[in-house]
Amino acid sequence: MSRFILTAAASAGAFHFRAGDKIADSTANALPGDKINAQLCAKPFAGMVPLDAAAVSALAAVGITNTIGTLIVPVTGVSSVDV
């Protein structure tokens, strides 16, 4: 299970997401209201807050140390605008 909440707008392929969107890696791992995008979850960045242990591990795999629910990058007006 890998779930994140975005603190910045992001895109993955043809999909665009806003700051505040909750992203899951699959339908099986999603909770109601989550958006599903395995591509974005596979390449996490500092603007993603992990919501479970798998998300913490995904961030660690790209060299970002974080804990569940901890904000690394604050939400700003510029970064939260749709891309």
C-alpha atoms as a PDB file:
ATOM      1  CA  MET A   1       0.000   0.000   0.000  1.00  0.00           C
ATOM      2  CA  SER A   2       1.371   3.368  -0.956  1.00  0.00           C
ATOM      3  CA  ARG A   3      -0.578   6.571  -0.326  1.00  0.00           C
ATOM      4  CA  PHE A   4       0.551  10.188  -0.330  1.00  0.00           C
ATOM      5  CA  ILE A   5      -0.942  13.658  -0.016  1.00  0.00           C
ATOM      6  CA  LEU A   6       0.506  16.282  -2.329  1.00  0.00           C
ATOM      7  CA  THR A   7       1.817  19.608  -1.024  1.00  0.00           C
ATOM      8  CA  ALA A   8       2.507  20.836  -4.553  1.00  0.00           C
ATOM      9  CA  ALA A   9       0.824  20.486  -7.910  1.00  0.00           C
ATOM     10  CA  ALA A  10       2.218  17.610  -9.986  1.00  0.00           C
ATOM     11  CA  SER A  11       1.648  15.794 -13.233  1.00  0.00           C
ATOM     12  CA  ALA A  12       2.244  12.244 -14.350  1.00  0.00           C
ATOM     13  CA  GLY A  13       1.666  11.579 -18.019  1.00  0.00           C
ATOM     14  CA  ALA A  14      -1.658  13.114 -19.022  1.00  0.00           C
ATOM     15  CA  PHE A  15      -2.841  13.396 -15.408  1.00  0.00           C
ATOM     16  CA  HIS A  16      -2.600  16.610 -13.396  1.00  0.00           C
ATOM     17  CA  PHE A  17      -2.969  16.818  -9.628  1.00  0.00           C
ATOM     18  CA  ARG A  18      -3.369  19.706  -7.176  1.00  0.00           C
ATOM     19  CA  ALA A  19      -1.828  20.323  -3.789  1.00  0.00           C
ATOM     20  CA  GLY A  20      -4.046  18.553  -1.261  1.00  0.00           C
ATOM     21  CA  ASP A  21      -4.910  15.630  -3.533  1.00  0.00           C
ATOM     22  CA  LYS A  22      -4.469  12.210  -1.963  1.00  0.00           C
ATOM     23  CA  ILE A  23      -2.766   9.800  -4.343  1.00  0.00           C
ATOM     24  CA  ALA A  24      -2.752   5.988  -4.122  1.00  0.00           C
ATOM     25  CA  ASP A  25      -0.668   3.565  -6.176  1.00  0.00           C
ATOM     26  CA  SER A  26      -3.608   1.257  -7.003  1.00  0.00           C
ATOM     27  CA  THR A  27      -7.361   0.882  -6.672  1.00  0.00           C
ATOM     28  CA  ALA A  28      -6.828  -1.847  -4.073  1.00  0.00           C
ATOM     29  CA  ASN A  29      -4.854   0.553  -1.845  1.00  0.00           C
ATOM     30  CA  ALA A  30      -7.029   3.632  -2.352  1.00  0.00           C
ATOM     31  CA  LEU A  31      -9.477   5.009   0.159  1.00  0.00           C
ATOM     32  CA  PRO A  32     -12.604   6.937  -0.863  1.00  0.00           C
ATOM     33  CA  GLY A  33     -11.607  10.267  -2.427  1.00  0.00           C
ATOM     34  CA  ASP A  34      -8.087   9.146  -3.397  1.00  0.00           C
ATOM     35  CA  LYS A  35      -6.835   9.616  -6.926  1.00  0.00           C
ATOM     36  CA  ILE A  36      -4.994   6.640  -8.382  1.00  0.00           C
ATOM     37  CA  ASN A  37      -1.714   6.997 -10.238  1.00  0.00           C
ATOM     38  CA  ALA A  38       0.966   4.317  -9.948  1.00  0.00           C
ATOM     39  CA  GLN A  39       3.383   6.364 -12.081  1.00  0.00           C
ATOM     40  CA  LEU A  40       3.399   9.302  -9.651  1.00  0.00           C
ATOM     41  CA  CYS A  41       3.667   7.029  -6.595  1.00  0.00           C
ATOM     42  CA  ALA A  42       6.610   5.182  -8.169  1.00  0.00           C
ATOM     43  CA  LYS A  43       8.615   8.429  -8.448  1.00  0.00           C
ATOM     44  CA  PRO A  44       7.835  10.307  -5.233  1.00  0.00           C
ATOM     45  CA  PHE A  45       9.303  13.744  -4.542  1.00  0.00           C
ATOM     46  CA  ALA A  46       9.696  15.974  -1.472  1.00  0.00           C
ATOM     47  CA  GLY A  47       6.278  17.547  -2.124  1.00  0.00           C
ATOM     48  CA  MET A  48       4.542  14.285  -1.224  1.00  0.00           C
ATOM     49  CA  VAL A  49       3.630  13.541   2.399  1.00  0.00           C
ATOM     50  CA  PRO A  50       3.593   9.784   3.110  1.00  0.00           C
ATOM     51  CA  LEU A  51       0.364   8.421   4.566  1.00  0.00           C
ATOM     52  CA  ASP A  52       1.588   4.863   5.230  1.00  0.00           C
ATOM     53  CA  ALA A  53       4.758   2.826   5.758  1.00  0.00           C
ATOM     54  CA  ALA A  54       4.994   1.829   2.078  1.00  0.00           C
ATOM     55  CA  ALA A  55       4.999   5.512   1.103  1.00  0.00           C
ATOM     56  CA  VAL A  56       7.809   6.174   3.600  1.00  0.00           C
ATOM     57  CA  SER A  57       9.781   3.334   1.962  1.00  0.00           C
ATOM     58  CA  ALA A  58       9.093   4.712  -1.532  1.00  0.00           C
ATOM     59  CA  LEU A  59      10.480   8.099  -0.493  1.00  0.00           C
ATOM     60  CA  ALA A  60      13.519   6.432   1.118  1.00  0.00           C
ATOM     61  CA  ALA A  61      14.216   4.610  -2.160  1.00  0.00           C
ATOM     62  CA  VAL A  62      14.766   7.998  -3.842  1.00  0.00           C
ATOM     63  CA  GLY A  63      16.852   9.348  -0.960  1.00  0.00           C
ATOM     64  CA  ILE A  64      14.188  11.288   0.948  1.00  0.00           C
ATOM     65  CA  THR A  65      13.877  10.590   4.671  1.00  0.00           C
ATOM     66  CA  ASN A  66      10.429  11.250   6.103  1.00  0.00           C
ATOM     67  CA  THR A  67       7.856   9.842   8.505  1.00  0.00           C
ATOM     68  CA  ILE A  68       4.129   9.255   8.116  1.00  0.00           C
ATOM     69  CA  GLY A  69       2.231  12.531   7.989  1.00  0.00           C
ATOM     70  CA  THR A  70       5.322  14.761   8.129  1.00  0.00           C
ATOM     71  CA  LEU A  71       5.520  17.747   5.805  1.00  0.00           C
ATOM     72  CA  ILE A  72       8.952  18.355   4.215  1.00  0.00           C
ATOM     73  CA  VAL A  73       7.989  21.054   1.738  1.00  0.00           C
ATOM     74  CA  PRO A  74       5.370  23.579   2.903  1.00  0.00           C
ATOM     75  CA  VAL A  75       2.475  24.429   0.636  1.00  0.00           C
ATOM     76  CA  THR A  76       3.077  27.716  -1.140  1.00  0.00           C
ATOM     77  CA  GLY A  77       0.881  29.687  -3.480  1.00  0.00           C
ATOM     78  CA  VAL A  78       3.214  29.066  -6.405  1.00  0.00           C
ATOM     79  CA  SER A  79       3.726  25.343  -5.934  1.00  0.00           C
ATOM     80  CA  SER A  80       0.069  24.603  -5.297  1.00  0.00           C
ATOM     81  CA  VAL A  81      -1.140  26.033  -8.615  1.00  0.00           C
ATOM     82  CA  ASP A  82      -2.212  23.489 -11.228  1.00  0.00           C
ATOM     83  CA  VAL A  83       0.525  22.551 -13.670  1.00  0.00           C
END
